[in-house]
């Protein structure tokens, strides 16, 4: 079994629209990733996701591709997965 990890990703750019969160959620669900995405007061979007490293990388790559250049930058912090999520959702 592939080791499950947790990525905390902060996206910067024109990312606070409903479409960004919607596409992020759809991609995560399609890939079988668990976690959430939400807007931050800073203007960034936070995505917390658990899965294997290659799937999480695919998640971020597809989000950036599907949102057509809205992401200017993204940063990731990696940790051990907690297993606390059973789905992927949009949080407010």
PDB file of N, CA and C in Angstrom:
ATOM      1  N   UNK A   1       0.839  -1.193   0.000  1.00  0.00           N
ATOM      2  CA  UNK A   1       0.000   0.000   0.000  1.00  0.00           C
ATOM      3  C   UNK A   1       0.876   1.246   0.000  1.00  0.00           C
ATOM      4  N   UNK A   2       0.489   2.234  -0.774  1.00  0.00           N
ATOM      5  CA  UNK A   2       1.223   3.482  -0.866  1.00  0.00           C
ATOM      6  C   UNK A   2       0.963   4.334   0.361  1.00  0.00           C
ATOM      7  N   UNK A   3       2.019   4.929   0.875  1.00  0.00           N
ATOM      8  CA  UNK A   3       1.906   5.770   2.069  1.00  0.00           C
ATOM      9  C   UNK A   3       1.021   6.985   1.792  1.00  0.00           C
ATOM     10  N   UNK A   4       0.089   7.234   2.684  1.00  0.00           N
ATOM     11  CA  UNK A   4      -0.800   8.390   2.600  1.00  0.00           C
ATOM     12  C   UNK A   4      -0.158   9.567   3.312  1.00  0.00           C
ATOM     13  N   UNK A   5      -0.193  10.712   2.645  1.00  0.00           N
ATOM     14  CA  UNK A   5       0.356  11.936   3.221  1.00  0.00           C
ATOM     15  C   UNK A   5      -0.692  13.028   3.164  1.00  0.00           C
ATOM     16  N   UNK A   6      -0.389  14.136   3.815  1.00  0.00           N
ATOM     17  CA  UNK A   6      -1.296  15.288   3.852  1.00  0.00           C
ATOM     18  C   UNK A   6      -0.567  16.493   3.279  1.00  0.00           C
ATOM     19  N   UNK A   7      -1.205  17.129   2.312  1.00  0.00           N
ATOM     20  CA  UNK A   7      -0.684  18.382   1.770  1.00  0.00           C
ATOM     21  C   UNK A   7      -1.589  19.516   2.203  1.00  0.00           C
ATOM     22  N   UNK A   8      -0.967  20.568   2.750  1.00  0.00           N
ATOM     23  CA  UNK A   8      -1.644  21.834   3.006  1.00  0.00           C
ATOM     24  C   UNK A   8      -1.119  22.790   1.948  1.00  0.00           C
ATOM     25  N   UNK A   9      -1.983  23.163   1.015  1.00  0.00           N
ATOM     26  CA  UNK A   9      -1.573  23.967  -0.130  1.00  0.00           C
ATOM     27  C   UNK A   9      -2.218  25.347  -0.025  1.00  0.00           C
ATOM     28  N   UNK A  10      -1.425  26.383  -0.269  1.00  0.00           N
ATOM     29  CA  UNK A  10      -1.929  27.758  -0.336  1.00  0.00           C
ATOM     30  C   UNK A  10      -1.753  28.251  -1.768  1.00  0.00           C
ATOM     31  N   UNK A  11      -2.876  28.581  -2.400  1.00  0.00           N
ATOM     32  CA  UNK A  11      -2.869  29.112  -3.757  1.00  0.00           C
ATOM     33  C   UNK A  11      -2.995  30.627  -3.707  1.00  0.00           C
ATOM     34  N   UNK A  12      -2.203  31.311  -4.527  1.00  0.00           N
ATOM     35  CA  UNK A  12      -2.240  32.758  -4.648  1.00  0.00           C
ATOM     36  C   UNK A  12      -2.543  33.123  -6.101  1.00  0.00           C
ATOM     37  N   UNK A  13      -3.281  34.193  -6.297  1.00  0.00           N
ATOM     38  CA  UNK A  13      -3.632  34.657  -7.637  1.00  0.00           C
ATOM     39  C   UNK A  13      -5.099  35.042  -7.662  1.00  0.00           C
ATOM     40  N   UNK A  14      -5.729  34.878  -8.811  1.00  0.00           N
ATOM     41  CA  UNK A  14      -7.165  35.136  -8.924  1.00  0.00           C
ATOM     42  C   UNK A  14      -7.892  33.826  -8.614  1.00  0.00           C
ATOM     43  N   UNK A  15      -7.898  33.474  -7.339  1.00  0.00           N
ATOM     44  CA  UNK A  15      -8.343  32.143  -6.928  1.00  0.00           C
ATOM     45  C   UNK A  15      -9.567  32.153  -6.012  1.00  0.00           C
ATOM     46  N   UNK A  16     -10.107  33.303  -5.667  1.00  0.00           N
ATOM     47  CA  UNK A  16     -11.181  33.338  -4.692  1.00  0.00           C
ATOM     48  C   UNK A  16     -12.574  33.199  -5.290  1.00  0.00           C
ATOM     49  N   UNK A  17     -12.682  32.951  -6.581  1.00  0.00           N
ATOM     50  CA  UNK A  17     -13.991  32.775  -7.192  1.00  0.00           C
ATOM     51  C   UNK A  17     -14.582  31.400  -6.897  1.00  0.00           C
ATOM     52  N   UNK A  18     -15.890  31.301  -7.046  1.00  0.00           N
ATOM     53  CA  UNK A  18     -16.592  30.032  -6.830  1.00  0.00           C
ATOM     54  C   UNK A  18     -16.051  28.961  -7.768  1.00  0.00           C
ATOM     55  N   UNK A  19     -15.728  29.344  -8.996  1.00  0.00           N
ATOM     56  CA  UNK A  19     -15.239  28.386  -9.985  1.00  0.00           C
ATOM     57  C   UNK A  19     -13.970  27.685  -9.557  1.00  0.00           C
ATOM     58  N   UNK A  20     -13.072  28.395  -8.896  1.00  0.00           N
ATOM     59  CA  UNK A  20     -11.824  27.784  -8.451  1.00  0.00           C
ATOM     60  C   UNK A  20     -12.092  26.686  -7.433  1.00  0.00           C
ATOM     61  N   UNK A  21     -12.933  26.987  -6.454  1.00  0.00           N
ATOM     62  CA  UNK A  21     -13.251  25.985  -5.429  1.00  0.00           C
ATOM     63  C   UNK A  21     -14.021  24.811  -6.045  1.00  0.00           C
ATOM     64  N   UNK A  22     -14.949  25.113  -6.948  1.00  0.00           N
ATOM     65  CA  UNK A  22     -15.731  24.066  -7.612  1.00  0.00           C
ATOM     66  C   UNK A  22     -14.812  23.113  -8.383  1.00  0.00           C
ATOM     67  N   UNK A  23     -13.910  23.669  -9.202  1.00  0.00           N
ATOM     68  CA  UNK A  23     -13.001  22.821  -9.978  1.00  0.00           C
ATOM     69  C   UNK A  23     -12.070  22.029  -9.067  1.00  0.00           C
ATOM     70  N   UNK A  24     -11.597  22.657  -8.008  1.00  0.00           N
ATOM     71  CA  UNK A  24     -10.726  21.956  -7.062  1.00  0.00           C
ATOM     72  C   UNK A  24     -11.436  20.759  -6.453  1.00  0.00           C
ATOM     73  N   UNK A  25     -12.681  20.968  -6.064  1.00  0.00           N
ATOM     74  CA  UNK A  25     -13.480  19.910  -5.453  1.00  0.00           C
ATOM     75  C   UNK A  25     -13.727  18.779  -6.455  1.00  0.00           C
ATOM     76  N   UNK A  26     -14.082  19.114  -7.687  1.00  0.00           N
ATOM     77  CA  UNK A  26     -14.352  18.099  -8.712  1.00  0.00           C
ATOM     78  C   UNK A  26     -13.114  17.265  -9.006  1.00  0.00           C
ATOM     79  N   UNK A  27     -11.970  17.911  -9.158  1.00  0.00           N
ATOM     80  CA  UNK A  27     -10.728  17.191  -9.446  1.00  0.00           C
ATOM     81  C   UNK A  27     -10.381  16.273  -8.278  1.00  0.00           C
ATOM     82  N   UNK A  28     -10.477  16.786  -7.063  1.00  0.00           N
ATOM     83  CA  UNK A  28     -10.158  15.978  -5.877  1.00  0.00           C
ATOM     84  C   UNK A  28     -11.062  14.758  -5.787  1.00  0.00           C
ATOM     85  N   UNK A  29     -12.342  14.944  -6.003  1.00  0.00           N
ATOM     86  CA  UNK A  29     -13.279  13.816  -5.945  1.00  0.00           C
ATOM     87  C   UNK A  29     -12.989  12.803  -7.042  1.00  0.00           C
ATOM     88  N   UNK A  30     -12.691  13.290  -8.248  1.00  0.00           N
ATOM     89  CA  UNK A  30     -12.366  12.385  -9.358  1.00  0.00           C
ATOM     90  C   UNK A  30     -11.126  11.545  -9.061  1.00  0.00           C
ATOM     91  N   UNK A  31     -10.172  12.125  -8.330  1.00  0.00           N
ATOM     92  CA  UNK A  31      -8.936  11.418  -7.995  1.00  0.00           C
ATOM     93  C   UNK A  31      -9.047  10.592  -6.717  1.00  0.00           C
ATOM     94  N   UNK A  32     -10.164  10.704  -6.011  1.00  0.00           N
ATOM     95  CA  UNK A  32     -10.346   9.948  -4.772  1.00  0.00           C
ATOM     96  C   UNK A  32      -9.574  10.515  -3.591  1.00  0.00           C
ATOM     97  N   UNK A  33      -9.324  11.814  -3.622  1.00  0.00           N
ATOM     98  CA  UNK A  33      -8.594  12.495  -2.556  1.00  0.00           C
ATOM     99  C   UNK A  33      -9.595  12.985  -1.512  1.00  0.00           C
ATOM    100  N   UNK A  34      -9.202  12.965  -0.246  1.00  0.00           N
ATOM    101  CA  UNK A  34     -10.056  13.454   0.832  1.00  0.00           C
ATOM    102  C   UNK A  34      -9.492  14.750   1.376  1.00  0.00           C
ATOM    103  N   UNK A  35     -10.410  15.636   1.855  1.00  0.00           N
ATOM    104  CA  UNK A  35      -9.985  16.895   2.453  1.00  0.00           C
ATOM    105  C   UNK A  35     -10.976  18.002   2.188  1.00  0.00           C
ATOM    106  N   UNK A  36     -10.458  19.223   2.021  1.00  0.00           N
ATOM    107  CA  UNK A  36     -11.346  20.360   1.763  1.00  0.00           C
ATOM    108  C   UNK A  36     -10.580  21.493   1.085  1.00  0.00           C
ATOM    109  N   UNK A  37     -11.345  22.448   0.566  1.00  0.00           N
ATOM    110  CA  UNK A  37     -10.812  23.675  -0.014  1.00  0.00           C
ATOM    111  C   UNK A  37     -11.640  24.831   0.529  1.00  0.00           C
ATOM    112  N   UNK A  38     -10.985  25.964   0.824  1.00  0.00           N
ATOM    113  CA  UNK A  38     -11.732  27.128   1.320  1.00  0.00           C
ATOM    114  C   UNK A  38     -10.956  28.416   1.052  1.00  0.00           C
ATOM    115  N   UNK A  39     -11.698  29.513   0.952  1.00  0.00           N
ATOM    116  CA  UNK A  39     -11.115  30.843   0.829  1.00  0.00           C
ATOM    117  C   UNK A  39     -10.551  31.275   2.176  1.00  0.00           C
ATOM    118  N   UNK A  40      -9.461  32.031   2.124  1.00  0.00           N
ATOM    119  CA  UNK A  40      -8.885  32.628   3.319  1.00  0.00           C
ATOM    120  C   UNK A  40      -9.038  34.144   3.240  1.00  0.00           C
ATOM    121  N   UNK A  41      -9.088  34.790   4.370  1.00  0.00           N
ATOM    122  CA  UNK A  41      -9.226  36.257   4.409  1.00  0.00           C
ATOM    123  C   UNK A  41      -8.065  36.966   3.731  1.00  0.00           C
ATOM    124  N   UNK A  42      -6.934  36.291   3.634  1.00  0.00           N
ATOM    125  CA  UNK A  42      -5.738  36.873   3.016  1.00  0.00           C
ATOM    126  C   UNK A  42      -5.865  37.024   1.503  1.00  0.00           C
ATOM    127  N   UNK A  43      -6.909  36.423   0.914  1.00  0.00           N
ATOM    128  CA  UNK A  43      -7.062  36.416  -0.539  1.00  0.00           C
ATOM    129  C   UNK A  43      -6.552  35.134  -1.168  1.00  0.00           C
ATOM    130  N   UNK A  44      -5.938  34.292  -0.370  1.00  0.00           N
ATOM    131  CA  UNK A  44      -5.463  32.996  -0.837  1.00  0.00           C
ATOM    132  C   UNK A  44      -6.584  31.965  -0.703  1.00  0.00           C
ATOM    133  N   UNK A  45      -6.351  30.809  -1.291  1.00  0.00           N
ATOM    134  CA  UNK A  45      -7.227  29.660  -1.091  1.00  0.00           C
ATOM    135  C   UNK A  45      -6.396  28.564  -0.450  1.00  0.00           C
ATOM    136  N   UNK A  46      -6.958  27.941   0.574  1.00  0.00           N
ATOM    137  CA  UNK A  46      -6.309  26.834   1.264  1.00  0.00           C
ATOM    138  C   UNK A  46      -6.941  25.525   0.814  1.00  0.00           C
ATOM    139  N   UNK A  47      -6.098  24.566   0.488  1.00  0.00           N
ATOM    140  CA  UNK A  47      -6.549  23.224   0.153  1.00  0.00           C
ATOM    141  C   UNK A  47      -5.822  22.260   1.066  1.00  0.00           C
ATOM    142  N   UNK A  48      -6.576  21.451   1.789  1.00  0.00           N
ATOM    143  CA  UNK A  48      -6.012  20.391   2.624  1.00  0.00           C
ATOM    144  C   UNK A  48      -6.434  19.081   1.976  1.00  0.00           C
ATOM    145  N   UNK A  49      -5.462  18.244   1.630  1.00  0.00           N
ATOM    146  CA  UNK A  49      -5.782  17.011   0.924  1.00  0.00           C
ATOM    147  C   UNK A  49      -4.904  15.869   1.413  1.00  0.00           C
ATOM    148  N   UNK A  50      -5.507  14.685   1.475  1.00  0.00           N
ATOM    149  CA  UNK A  50      -4.775  13.493   1.867  1.00  0.00           C
ATOM    150  C   UNK A  50      -4.871  12.443   0.772  1.00  0.00           C
ATOM    151  N   UNK A  51      -3.740  11.844   0.476  1.00  0.00           N
ATOM    152  CA  UNK A  51      -3.641  10.804  -0.543  1.00  0.00           C
ATOM    153  C   UNK A  51      -2.175  10.447  -0.699  1.00  0.00           C
ATOM    154  N   UNK A  52      -1.830   9.755  -1.791  1.00  0.00           N
ATOM    155  CA  UNK A  52      -0.414   9.474  -2.005  1.00  0.00           C
ATOM    156  C   UNK A  52       0.220  10.643  -2.755  1.00  0.00           C
ATOM    157  N   UNK A  53       1.535  10.735  -2.685  1.00  0.00           N
ATOM    158  CA  UNK A  53       2.255  11.896  -3.222  1.00  0.00           C
ATOM    159  C   UNK A  53       1.962  12.127  -4.703  1.00  0.00           C
ATOM    160  N   UNK A  54       1.967  11.080  -5.510  1.00  0.00           N
ATOM    161  CA  UNK A  54       1.753  11.282  -6.949  1.00  0.00           C
ATOM    162  C   UNK A  54       0.340  11.759  -7.241  1.00  0.00           C
ATOM    163  N   UNK A  55      -0.646  11.291  -6.490  1.00  0.00           N
ATOM    164  CA  UNK A  55      -2.026  11.743  -6.688  1.00  0.00           C
ATOM    165  C   UNK A  55      -2.192  13.191  -6.247  1.00  0.00           C
ATOM    166  N   UNK A  56      -1.559  13.571  -5.157  1.00  0.00           N
ATOM    167  CA  UNK A  56      -1.650  14.956  -4.698  1.00  0.00           C
ATOM    168  C   UNK A  56      -0.973  15.899  -5.691  1.00  0.00           C
ATOM    169  N   UNK A  57       0.139  15.468  -6.265  1.00  0.00           N
ATOM    170  CA  UNK A  57       0.803  16.295  -7.287  1.00  0.00           C
ATOM    171  C   UNK A  57      -0.110  16.439  -8.512  1.00  0.00           C
ATOM    172  N   UNK A  58      -0.751  15.334  -8.899  1.00  0.00           N
ATOM    173  CA  UNK A  58      -1.689  15.372 -10.025  1.00  0.00           C
ATOM    174  C   UNK A  58      -2.848  16.323  -9.713  1.00  0.00           C
ATOM    175  N   UNK A  59      -3.334  16.285  -8.478  1.00  0.00           N
ATOM    176  CA  UNK A  59      -4.415  17.168  -8.050  1.00  0.00           C
ATOM    177  C   UNK A  59      -4.046  18.632  -8.274  1.00  0.00           C
ATOM    178  N   UNK A  60      -2.899  19.038  -7.774  1.00  0.00           N
ATOM    179  CA  UNK A  60      -2.472  20.433  -7.901  1.00  0.00           C
ATOM    180  C   UNK A  60      -2.248  20.787  -9.374  1.00  0.00           C
ATOM    181  N   UNK A  61      -1.611  19.894 -10.121  1.00  0.00           N
ATOM    182  CA  UNK A  61      -1.374  20.160 -11.548  1.00  0.00           C
ATOM    183  C   UNK A  61      -2.690  20.350 -12.300  1.00  0.00           C
ATOM    184  N   UNK A  62      -3.669  19.490 -12.043  1.00  0.00           N
ATOM    185  CA  UNK A  62      -4.952  19.590 -12.734  1.00  0.00           C
ATOM    186  C   UNK A  62      -5.742  20.832 -12.312  1.00  0.00           C
ATOM    187  N   UNK A  63      -5.671  21.196 -11.049  1.00  0.00           N
ATOM    188  CA  UNK A  63      -6.344  22.418 -10.594  1.00  0.00           C
ATOM    189  C   UNK A  63      -5.758  23.614 -11.328  1.00  0.00           C
ATOM    190  N   UNK A  64      -4.448  23.696 -11.396  1.00  0.00           N
ATOM    191  CA  UNK A  64      -3.797  24.816 -12.077  1.00  0.00           C
ATOM    192  C   UNK A  64      -4.167  24.839 -13.561  1.00  0.00           C
ATOM    193  N   UNK A  65      -4.217  23.677 -14.176  1.00  0.00           N
ATOM    194  CA  UNK A  65      -4.565  23.591 -15.599  1.00  0.00           C
ATOM    195  C   UNK A  65      -6.025  23.973 -15.847  1.00  0.00           C
ATOM    196  N   UNK A  66      -6.932  23.451 -15.042  1.00  0.00           N
ATOM    197  CA  UNK A  66      -8.364  23.667 -15.258  1.00  0.00           C
ATOM    198  C   UNK A  66      -8.816  25.086 -14.919  1.00  0.00           C
ATOM    199  N   UNK A  67      -8.057  25.801 -14.114  1.00  0.00           N
ATOM    200  CA  UNK A  67      -8.459  27.162 -13.755  1.00  0.00           C
ATOM    201  C   UNK A  67      -7.785  28.208 -14.643  1.00  0.00           C
ATOM    202  N   UNK A  68      -7.196  27.775 -15.725  1.00  0.00           N
ATOM    203  CA  UNK A  68      -6.728  28.641 -16.813  1.00  0.00           C
ATOM    204  C   UNK A  68      -5.864  29.814 -16.382  1.00  0.00           C
ATOM    205  N   UNK A  69      -4.789  29.529 -15.666  1.00  0.00           N
ATOM    206  CA  UNK A  69      -3.834  30.574 -15.330  1.00  0.00           C
ATOM    207  C   UNK A  69      -4.197  31.470 -14.169  1.00  0.00           C
ATOM    208  N   UNK A  70      -5.232  31.136 -13.426  1.00  0.00           N
ATOM    209  CA  UNK A  70      -5.604  31.972 -12.279  1.00  0.00           C
ATOM    210  C   UNK A  70      -4.620  31.821 -11.127  1.00  0.00           C
ATOM    211  N   UNK A  71      -3.921  30.700 -11.062  1.00  0.00           N
ATOM    212  CA  UNK A  71      -2.953  30.471  -9.987  1.00  0.00           C
ATOM    213  C   UNK A  71      -1.632  31.128 -10.373  1.00  0.00           C
ATOM    214  N   UNK A  72      -1.192  32.078  -9.562  1.00  0.00           N
ATOM    215  CA  UNK A  72       0.108  32.723  -9.778  1.00  0.00           C
ATOM    216  C   UNK A  72       1.210  31.958  -9.058  1.00  0.00           C
ATOM    217  N   UNK A  73       0.856  31.388  -7.913  1.00  0.00           N
ATOM    218  CA  UNK A  73       1.841  30.681  -7.095  1.00  0.00           C
ATOM    219  C   UNK A  73       1.106  29.716  -6.176  1.00  0.00           C
ATOM    220  N   UNK A  74       1.778  28.626  -5.837  1.00  0.00           N
ATOM    221  CA  UNK A  74       1.239  27.744  -4.814  1.00  0.00           C
ATOM    222  C   UNK A  74       2.393  27.218  -3.979  1.00  0.00           C
ATOM    223  N   UNK A  75       2.105  27.041  -2.695  1.00  0.00           N
ATOM    224  CA  UNK A  75       3.089  26.530  -1.741  1.00  0.00           C
ATOM    225  C   UNK A  75       2.476  25.366  -0.993  1.00  0.00           C
ATOM    226  N   UNK A  76       3.290  24.369  -0.720  1.00  0.00           N
ATOM    227  CA  UNK A  76       2.781  23.178  -0.046  1.00  0.00           C
ATOM    228  C   UNK A  76       3.603  22.867   1.197  1.00  0.00           C
ATOM    229  N   UNK A  77       2.909  22.475   2.245  1.00  0.00           N
ATOM    230  CA  UNK A  77       3.522  21.900   3.439  1.00  0.00           C
ATOM    231  C   UNK A  77       3.055  20.460   3.507  1.00  0.00           C
ATOM    232  N   UNK A  78       3.969  19.550   3.732  1.00  0.00           N
ATOM    233  CA  UNK A  78       3.647  18.131   3.767  1.00  0.00           C
ATOM    234  C   UNK A  78       3.738  17.592   5.193  1.00  0.00           C
ATOM    235  N   UNK A  79       2.790  16.723   5.528  1.00  0.00           N
ATOM    236  CA  UNK A  79       2.763  16.087   6.847  1.00  0.00           C
ATOM    237  C   UNK A  79       2.223  14.665   6.684  1.00  0.00           C
ATOM    238  N   UNK A  80       2.178  13.949   7.757  1.00  0.00           N
ATOM    239  CA  UNK A  80       1.586  12.617   7.772  1.00  0.00           C
ATOM    240  C   UNK A  80       0.069  12.744   7.710  1.00  0.00           C
ATOM    241  N   UNK A  81      -0.585  11.909   6.928  1.00  0.00           N
ATOM    242  CA  UNK A  81      -2.047  11.920   6.834  1.00  0.00           C
ATOM    243  C   UNK A  81      -2.655  11.559   8.187  1.00  0.00           C
ATOM    244  N   UNK A  82      -3.770  12.207   8.507  1.00  0.00           N
ATOM    245  CA  UNK A  82      -4.464  11.927   9.766  1.00  0.00           C
ATOM    246  C   UNK A  82      -5.621  10.957   9.574  1.00  0.00           C
ATOM    247  N   UNK A  83      -6.126  10.864   8.353  1.00  0.00           N
ATOM    248  CA  UNK A  83      -7.276  10.001   8.084  1.00  0.00           C
ATOM    249  C   UNK A  83      -8.589  10.569   8.589  1.00  0.00           C
ATOM    250  N   UNK A  84      -8.614  11.853   8.909  1.00  0.00           N
ATOM    251  CA  UNK A  84      -9.823  12.451   9.491  1.00  0.00           C
ATOM    252  C   UNK A  84     -10.925  12.740   8.482  1.00  0.00           C
ATOM    253  N   UNK A  85     -10.617  12.710   7.187  1.00  0.00           N
ATOM    254  CA  UNK A  85     -11.599  13.047   6.162  1.00  0.00           C
ATOM    255  C   UNK A  85     -12.121  11.790   5.469  1.00  0.00           C
ATOM    256  N   UNK A  86     -13.402  11.804   5.113  1.00  0.00           N
ATOM    257  CA  UNK A  86     -13.972  10.700   4.352  1.00  0.00           C
ATOM    258  C   UNK A  86     -14.407  11.141   2.954  1.00  0.00           C
ATOM    259  N   UNK A  87     -14.448  12.466   2.732  1.00  0.00           N
ATOM    260  CA  UNK A  87     -14.840  13.043   1.446  1.00  0.00           C
ATOM    261  C   UNK A  87     -13.965  14.249   1.164  1.00  0.00           C
ATOM    262  N   UNK A  88     -14.244  14.915   0.054  1.00  0.00           N
ATOM    263  CA  UNK A  88     -13.610  16.200  -0.235  1.00  0.00           C
ATOM    264  C   UNK A  88     -14.719  17.213  -0.399  1.00  0.00           C
ATOM    265  N   UNK A  89     -14.628  18.334   0.327  1.00  0.00           N
ATOM    266  CA  UNK A  89     -15.700  19.316   0.366  1.00  0.00           C
ATOM    267  C   UNK A  89     -15.173  20.729   0.236  1.00  0.00           C
ATOM    268  N   UNK A  90     -16.081  21.635  -0.059  1.00  0.00           N
ATOM    269  CA  UNK A  90     -15.810  23.068   0.005  1.00  0.00           C
ATOM    270  C   UNK A  90     -16.222  23.529   1.395  1.00  0.00           C
ATOM    271  N   UNK A  91     -15.343  24.259   2.062  1.00  0.00           N
ATOM    272  CA  UNK A  91     -15.664  24.823   3.385  1.00  0.00           C
ATOM    273  C   UNK A  91     -15.772  26.321   3.272  1.00  0.00           C
ATOM    274  N   UNK A  92     -16.539  26.886   4.190  1.00  0.00           N
ATOM    275  CA  UNK A  92     -16.756  28.332   4.182  1.00  0.00           C
ATOM    276  C   UNK A  92     -16.288  28.943   5.478  1.00  0.00           C
TER     277      UNK A  92
END
